[in-house]
Amino acid sequence: MSEAENYKDLNRESRSLMQELSKDSAGLMQAFQGLHKAAMEAGDLDEKTKELIALGIAIRGQCNRCIGLHVAAASKAGASAGEIRETIGVATVMGGGPALMYGLEALKALKELE
């Protein structure tokens, strides 16, 4: 379990741990980062839309670290608080009560990262 108490710290810790893993598993992390970059580049969908999709999947996948990173990335890409809240709603429809609980984590991250 993480010692981070808020999403700013959790995001910082996640990035630090990914850098650490890159030292031991450079090929894996380079491949993942390349995949991430290719998937998130603007195309028919813009970066903001892709980050909101990723956030919905993170909520459904019950991944707090992913939630924190994708709330921050969606906000940076121009997503409004309302768009993030609607993403929480869609994830809840698709994932039921457990997704709602992790949607609350996304709401918490949004408040902490604003």
N, C-alpha and C. Protein backbone atom coordinates (compact mmCIF):
# COMPACT_ATOMS: atom_id res chain seq x y z
N MET A 1 0.84 -1.18 0.00
CA MET A 1 0.00 0.00 0.00
C MET A 1 0.89 1.24 0.00
N SER A 2 0.47 2.25 -0.67
CA SER A 2 1.22 3.48 -0.78
C SER A 2 1.16 4.28 0.52
N GLU A 3 2.24 5.03 0.78
CA GLU A 3 2.25 5.92 1.93
C GLU A 3 1.71 7.31 1.56
N ALA A 4 1.46 7.54 0.28
CA ALA A 4 0.97 8.85 -0.16
C ALA A 4 -0.40 9.12 0.45
N GLU A 5 -0.58 10.35 0.91
CA GLU A 5 -1.83 10.72 1.57
C GLU A 5 -2.77 11.49 0.66
N ASN A 6 -2.28 11.97 -0.48
CA ASN A 6 -3.11 12.72 -1.40
C ASN A 6 -2.67 12.41 -2.82
N TYR A 7 -3.47 12.85 -3.77
CA TYR A 7 -3.19 12.49 -5.17
C TYR A 7 -1.98 13.20 -5.74
N LYS A 8 -1.64 14.39 -5.25
CA LYS A 8 -0.40 15.02 -5.71
C LYS A 8 0.79 14.14 -5.33
N ASP A 9 0.81 13.69 -4.08
CA ASP A 9 1.90 12.84 -3.62
C ASP A 9 1.86 11.47 -4.32
N LEU A 10 0.65 10.92 -4.50
CA LEU A 10 0.53 9.62 -5.16
C LEU A 10 1.05 9.70 -6.59
N ASN A 11 0.70 10.78 -7.31
CA ASN A 11 1.18 10.94 -8.68
C ASN A 11 2.70 11.08 -8.70
N ARG A 12 3.24 11.87 -7.79
CA ARG A 12 4.69 12.04 -7.70
C ARG A 12 5.36 10.70 -7.41
N GLU A 13 4.80 9.95 -6.46
CA GLU A 13 5.34 8.65 -6.11
C GLU A 13 5.26 7.67 -7.29
N SER A 14 4.13 7.68 -8.00
CA SER A 14 3.96 6.79 -9.15
C SER A 14 5.01 7.08 -10.21
N ARG A 15 5.20 8.37 -10.52
CA ARG A 15 6.21 8.74 -11.53
C ARG A 15 7.60 8.32 -11.09
N SER A 16 7.91 8.51 -9.82
CA SER A 16 9.22 8.14 -9.29
C SER A 16 9.44 6.63 -9.38
N LEU A 17 8.41 5.87 -9.03
CA LEU A 17 8.53 4.41 -9.09
C LEU A 17 8.66 3.92 -10.53
N MET A 18 7.97 4.59 -11.46
CA MET A 18 8.12 4.21 -12.87
C MET A 18 9.53 4.50 -13.36
N GLN A 19 10.12 5.61 -12.91
CA GLN A 19 11.51 5.91 -13.27
C GLN A 19 12.45 4.86 -12.69
N GLU A 20 12.19 4.46 -11.47
CA GLU A 20 13.01 3.42 -10.84
C GLU A 20 12.91 2.11 -11.62
N LEU A 21 11.70 1.74 -12.00
CA LEU A 21 11.51 0.52 -12.77
C LEU A 21 12.21 0.61 -14.12
N SER A 22 12.26 1.82 -14.68
CA SER A 22 12.93 2.02 -15.97
C SER A 22 14.41 1.66 -15.90
N LYS A 23 15.02 1.83 -14.75
CA LYS A 23 16.44 1.49 -14.58
C LYS A 23 16.66 -0.02 -14.69
N ASP A 24 15.74 -0.79 -14.13
CA ASP A 24 15.88 -2.25 -14.11
C ASP A 24 15.22 -2.92 -15.31
N SER A 25 14.22 -2.29 -15.86
CA SER A 25 13.44 -2.87 -16.95
C SER A 25 13.26 -1.84 -18.06
N ALA A 26 14.38 -1.35 -18.57
CA ALA A 26 14.35 -0.27 -19.55
C ALA A 26 13.53 -0.64 -20.78
N GLY A 27 13.71 -1.83 -21.30
CA GLY A 27 12.99 -2.25 -22.50
C GLY A 27 11.49 -2.26 -22.29
N LEU A 28 11.06 -2.79 -21.18
CA LEU A 28 9.63 -2.83 -20.85
C LEU A 28 9.05 -1.43 -20.76
N MET A 29 9.72 -0.56 -20.02
CA MET A 29 9.19 0.79 -19.82
C MET A 29 9.24 1.60 -21.11
N GLN A 30 10.29 1.43 -21.91
CA GLN A 30 10.35 2.14 -23.19
C GLN A 30 9.21 1.68 -24.10
N ALA A 31 8.95 0.38 -24.10
CA ALA A 31 7.86 -0.14 -24.93
C ALA A 31 6.51 0.39 -24.45
N PHE A 32 6.31 0.39 -23.13
CA PHE A 32 5.05 0.90 -22.58
C PHE A 32 4.89 2.38 -22.88
N GLN A 33 5.95 3.16 -22.68
CA GLN A 33 5.89 4.60 -22.95
C GLN A 33 5.64 4.87 -24.42
N GLY A 34 6.23 4.07 -25.30
CA GLY A 34 5.98 4.22 -26.73
C GLY A 34 4.53 3.92 -27.08
N LEU A 35 4.01 2.85 -26.50
CA LEU A 35 2.60 2.49 -26.71
C LEU A 35 1.68 3.60 -26.20
N HIS A 36 1.99 4.10 -25.01
CA HIS A 36 1.19 5.17 -24.42
C HIS A 36 1.21 6.40 -25.31
N LYS A 37 2.39 6.80 -25.76
CA LYS A 37 2.51 7.98 -26.62
C LYS A 37 1.71 7.81 -27.91
N ALA A 38 1.86 6.65 -28.54
CA ALA A 38 1.15 6.40 -29.81
C ALA A 38 -0.36 6.40 -29.60
N ALA A 39 -0.82 5.81 -28.52
CA ALA A 39 -2.26 5.72 -28.27
C ALA A 39 -2.86 7.07 -27.92
N MET A 40 -2.10 7.94 -27.27
CA MET A 40 -2.66 9.20 -26.78
C MET A 40 -2.47 10.37 -27.73
N GLU A 41 -1.72 10.17 -28.80
CA GLU A 41 -1.56 11.25 -29.78
C GLU A 41 -2.91 11.59 -30.40
N ALA A 42 -3.10 12.86 -30.67
CA ALA A 42 -4.34 13.31 -31.29
C ALA A 42 -4.47 12.69 -32.68
N GLY A 43 -5.64 12.23 -32.98
CA GLY A 43 -5.98 11.68 -34.28
C GLY A 43 -7.44 12.03 -34.51
N ASP A 44 -8.26 11.04 -34.81
CA ASP A 44 -9.70 11.29 -34.91
C ASP A 44 -10.26 11.71 -33.55
N LEU A 45 -9.66 11.23 -32.48
CA LEU A 45 -9.99 11.68 -31.12
C LEU A 45 -8.87 12.57 -30.63
N ASP A 46 -9.23 13.66 -29.96
CA ASP A 46 -8.19 14.52 -29.41
C ASP A 46 -7.66 13.95 -28.10
N GLU A 47 -6.57 14.54 -27.63
CA GLU A 47 -5.91 14.05 -26.42
C GLU A 47 -6.84 14.10 -25.21
N LYS A 48 -7.62 15.18 -25.08
CA LYS A 48 -8.54 15.30 -23.95
C LYS A 48 -9.53 14.15 -23.92
N THR A 49 -10.12 13.83 -25.06
CA THR A 49 -11.09 12.75 -25.14
C THR A 49 -10.44 11.42 -24.77
N LYS A 50 -9.23 11.20 -25.26
CA LYS A 50 -8.53 9.96 -24.95
C LYS A 50 -8.22 9.86 -23.46
N GLU A 51 -7.86 10.98 -22.84
CA GLU A 51 -7.59 10.96 -21.39
C GLU A 51 -8.85 10.70 -20.60
N LEU A 52 -9.98 11.22 -21.05
CA LEU A 52 -11.25 10.94 -20.37
C LEU A 52 -11.63 9.47 -20.51
N ILE A 53 -11.38 8.89 -21.67
CA ILE A 53 -11.62 7.45 -21.85
C ILE A 53 -10.71 6.67 -20.91
N ALA A 54 -9.44 7.04 -20.86
CA ALA A 54 -8.49 6.35 -19.97
C ALA A 54 -8.94 6.48 -18.51
N LEU A 55 -9.45 7.65 -18.14
CA LEU A 55 -9.95 7.83 -16.77
C LEU A 55 -11.12 6.90 -16.50
N GLY A 56 -12.05 6.79 -17.44
CA GLY A 56 -13.19 5.89 -17.26
C GLY A 56 -12.74 4.45 -17.08
N ILE A 57 -11.75 4.05 -17.84
CA ILE A 57 -11.22 2.68 -17.73
C ILE A 57 -10.50 2.52 -16.38
N ALA A 58 -9.77 3.55 -15.95
CA ALA A 58 -9.08 3.49 -14.65
C ALA A 58 -10.07 3.34 -13.51
N ILE A 59 -11.19 4.08 -13.60
CA ILE A 59 -12.23 3.96 -12.58
C ILE A 59 -12.80 2.54 -12.59
N ARG A 60 -13.15 2.06 -13.76
CA ARG A 60 -13.72 0.71 -13.89
C ARG A 60 -12.72 -0.36 -13.45
N GLY A 61 -11.43 -0.08 -13.71
CA GLY A 61 -10.38 -1.03 -13.34
C GLY A 61 -9.93 -0.92 -11.89
N GLN A 62 -10.51 0.03 -11.16
CA GLN A 62 -10.24 0.20 -9.74
C GLN A 62 -8.75 0.43 -9.46
N CYS A 63 -8.16 1.35 -10.21
CA CYS A 63 -6.73 1.65 -10.09
C CYS A 63 -6.53 3.08 -9.63
N ASN A 64 -6.29 3.27 -8.34
CA ASN A 64 -6.12 4.62 -7.80
C ASN A 64 -4.96 5.36 -8.44
N ARG A 65 -3.84 4.66 -8.65
CA ARG A 65 -2.70 5.34 -9.28
C ARG A 65 -3.08 5.82 -10.68
N CYS A 66 -3.78 4.98 -11.44
CA CYS A 66 -4.22 5.36 -12.78
C CYS A 66 -5.20 6.52 -12.73
N ILE A 67 -6.10 6.49 -11.77
CA ILE A 67 -7.08 7.56 -11.61
C ILE A 67 -6.36 8.88 -11.40
N GLY A 68 -5.43 8.92 -10.47
CA GLY A 68 -4.71 10.16 -10.19
C GLY A 68 -3.97 10.69 -11.40
N LEU A 69 -3.27 9.81 -12.09
CA LEU A 69 -2.49 10.23 -13.25
C LEU A 69 -3.39 10.70 -14.40
N HIS A 70 -4.52 10.02 -14.61
CA HIS A 70 -5.39 10.40 -15.73
C HIS A 70 -6.29 11.59 -15.42
N VAL A 71 -6.64 11.82 -14.16
CA VAL A 71 -7.32 13.06 -13.82
C VAL A 71 -6.39 14.23 -14.12
N ALA A 72 -5.13 14.11 -13.69
CA ALA A 72 -4.16 15.19 -13.94
C ALA A 72 -3.95 15.39 -15.44
N ALA A 73 -3.80 14.30 -16.18
CA ALA A 73 -3.56 14.41 -17.62
C ALA A 73 -4.78 14.95 -18.36
N ALA A 74 -5.97 14.54 -17.95
CA ALA A 74 -7.19 15.04 -18.59
C ALA A 74 -7.34 16.53 -18.33
N SER A 75 -7.08 16.95 -17.11
CA SER A 75 -7.15 18.38 -16.78
C SER A 75 -6.13 19.16 -17.59
N LYS A 76 -4.92 18.66 -17.66
CA LYS A 76 -3.86 19.32 -18.43
C LYS A 76 -4.24 19.41 -19.91
N ALA A 77 -4.96 18.40 -20.42
CA ALA A 77 -5.38 18.39 -21.82
C ALA A 77 -6.61 19.25 -22.07
N GLY A 78 -7.12 19.88 -21.01
CA GLY A 78 -8.24 20.81 -21.19
C GLY A 78 -9.59 20.32 -20.73
N ALA A 79 -9.65 19.16 -20.10
CA ALA A 79 -10.94 18.65 -19.60
C ALA A 79 -11.41 19.52 -18.44
N SER A 80 -12.68 19.85 -18.47
CA SER A 80 -13.26 20.62 -17.38
C SER A 80 -13.66 19.68 -16.23
N ALA A 81 -13.92 20.27 -15.09
CA ALA A 81 -14.41 19.49 -13.95
C ALA A 81 -15.71 18.79 -14.33
N GLY A 82 -16.57 19.46 -15.08
CA GLY A 82 -17.83 18.85 -15.52
C GLY A 82 -17.61 17.65 -16.41
N GLU A 83 -16.64 17.73 -17.30
CA GLU A 83 -16.34 16.58 -18.18
C GLU A 83 -15.80 15.41 -17.38
N ILE A 84 -15.00 15.70 -16.38
CA ILE A 84 -14.48 14.62 -15.53
C ILE A 84 -15.62 14.01 -14.73
N ARG A 85 -16.53 14.82 -14.22
CA ARG A 85 -17.68 14.29 -13.48
C ARG A 85 -18.56 13.43 -14.39
N GLU A 86 -18.76 13.84 -15.63
CA GLU A 86 -19.55 13.02 -16.56
C GLU A 86 -18.85 11.71 -16.86
N THR A 87 -17.53 11.73 -16.94
CA THR A 87 -16.77 10.50 -17.14
C THR A 87 -16.98 9.55 -15.97
N ILE A 88 -17.01 10.09 -14.75
CA ILE A 88 -17.31 9.28 -13.56
C ILE A 88 -18.68 8.63 -13.72
N GLY A 89 -19.65 9.38 -14.22
CA GLY A 89 -21.00 8.85 -14.42
C GLY A 89 -21.04 7.71 -15.42
N VAL A 90 -20.34 7.87 -16.53
CA VAL A 90 -20.32 6.81 -17.54
C VAL A 90 -19.64 5.57 -16.98
N ALA A 91 -18.53 5.76 -16.27
CA ALA A 91 -17.84 4.61 -15.67
C ALA A 91 -18.73 3.90 -14.67
N THR A 92 -19.53 4.66 -13.93
CA THR A 92 -20.46 4.07 -12.96
C THR A 92 -21.52 3.24 -13.65
N VAL A 93 -22.07 3.74 -14.75
CA VAL A 93 -23.06 2.98 -15.52
C VAL A 93 -22.47 1.64 -15.95
N MET A 94 -21.22 1.68 -16.40
CA MET A 94 -20.58 0.47 -16.92
C MET A 94 -20.08 -0.46 -15.82
N GLY A 95 -19.81 0.08 -14.63
CA GLY A 95 -19.20 -0.75 -13.59
C GLY A 95 -19.98 -0.88 -12.31
N GLY A 96 -21.13 -0.21 -12.20
CA GLY A 96 -21.96 -0.34 -11.01
C GLY A 96 -21.37 0.29 -9.76
N GLY A 97 -21.79 -0.22 -8.63
CA GLY A 97 -21.39 0.31 -7.33
C GLY A 97 -19.89 0.38 -7.12
N PRO A 98 -19.13 -0.68 -7.43
CA PRO A 98 -17.68 -0.57 -7.25
C PRO A 98 -17.07 0.56 -8.07
N ALA A 99 -17.55 0.76 -9.29
CA ALA A 99 -17.04 1.86 -10.11
C ALA A 99 -17.42 3.20 -9.49
N LEU A 100 -18.59 3.29 -8.91
CA LEU A 100 -18.99 4.52 -8.24
C LEU A 100 -18.01 4.86 -7.12
N MET A 101 -17.61 3.87 -6.33
CA MET A 101 -16.68 4.12 -5.23
C MET A 101 -15.34 4.62 -5.76
N TYR A 102 -14.87 4.06 -6.87
CA TYR A 102 -13.62 4.53 -7.47
C TYR A 102 -13.84 5.84 -8.22
N GLY A 103 -15.06 6.09 -8.66
CA GLY A 103 -15.39 7.39 -9.21
C GLY A 103 -15.26 8.48 -8.16
N LEU A 104 -15.59 8.13 -6.93
CA LEU A 104 -15.41 9.08 -5.83
C LEU A 104 -13.92 9.39 -5.63
N GLU A 105 -13.08 8.40 -5.88
CA GLU A 105 -11.63 8.64 -5.84
C GLU A 105 -11.23 9.64 -6.92
N ALA A 106 -11.83 9.53 -8.10
CA ALA A 106 -11.54 10.47 -9.18
C ALA A 106 -12.00 11.87 -8.79
N LEU A 107 -13.14 11.98 -8.14
CA LEU A 107 -13.64 13.26 -7.67
C LEU A 107 -12.68 13.84 -6.62
N LYS A 108 -12.21 12.99 -5.72
CA LYS A 108 -11.23 13.41 -4.71
C LYS A 108 -9.95 13.91 -5.39
N ALA A 109 -9.47 13.16 -6.39
CA ALA A 109 -8.27 13.57 -7.10
C ALA A 109 -8.48 14.91 -7.79
N LEU A 110 -9.63 15.08 -8.41
CA LEU A 110 -9.94 16.34 -9.09
C LEU A 110 -9.85 17.50 -8.11
N LYS A 111 -10.45 17.34 -6.95
CA LYS A 111 -10.44 18.41 -5.95
C LYS A 111 -9.02 18.70 -5.46
N GLU A 112 -8.25 17.65 -5.24
CA GLU A 112 -6.89 17.82 -4.73
C GLU A 112 -5.93 18.40 -5.76
N LEU A 113 -6.17 18.10 -7.02
CA LEU A 113 -5.24 18.52 -8.08
C LEU A 113 -5.60 19.86 -8.71
N GLU A 114 -6.77 20.40 -8.37
CA GLU A 114 -7.19 21.70 -8.93
C GLU A 114 -6.30 22.82 -8.43
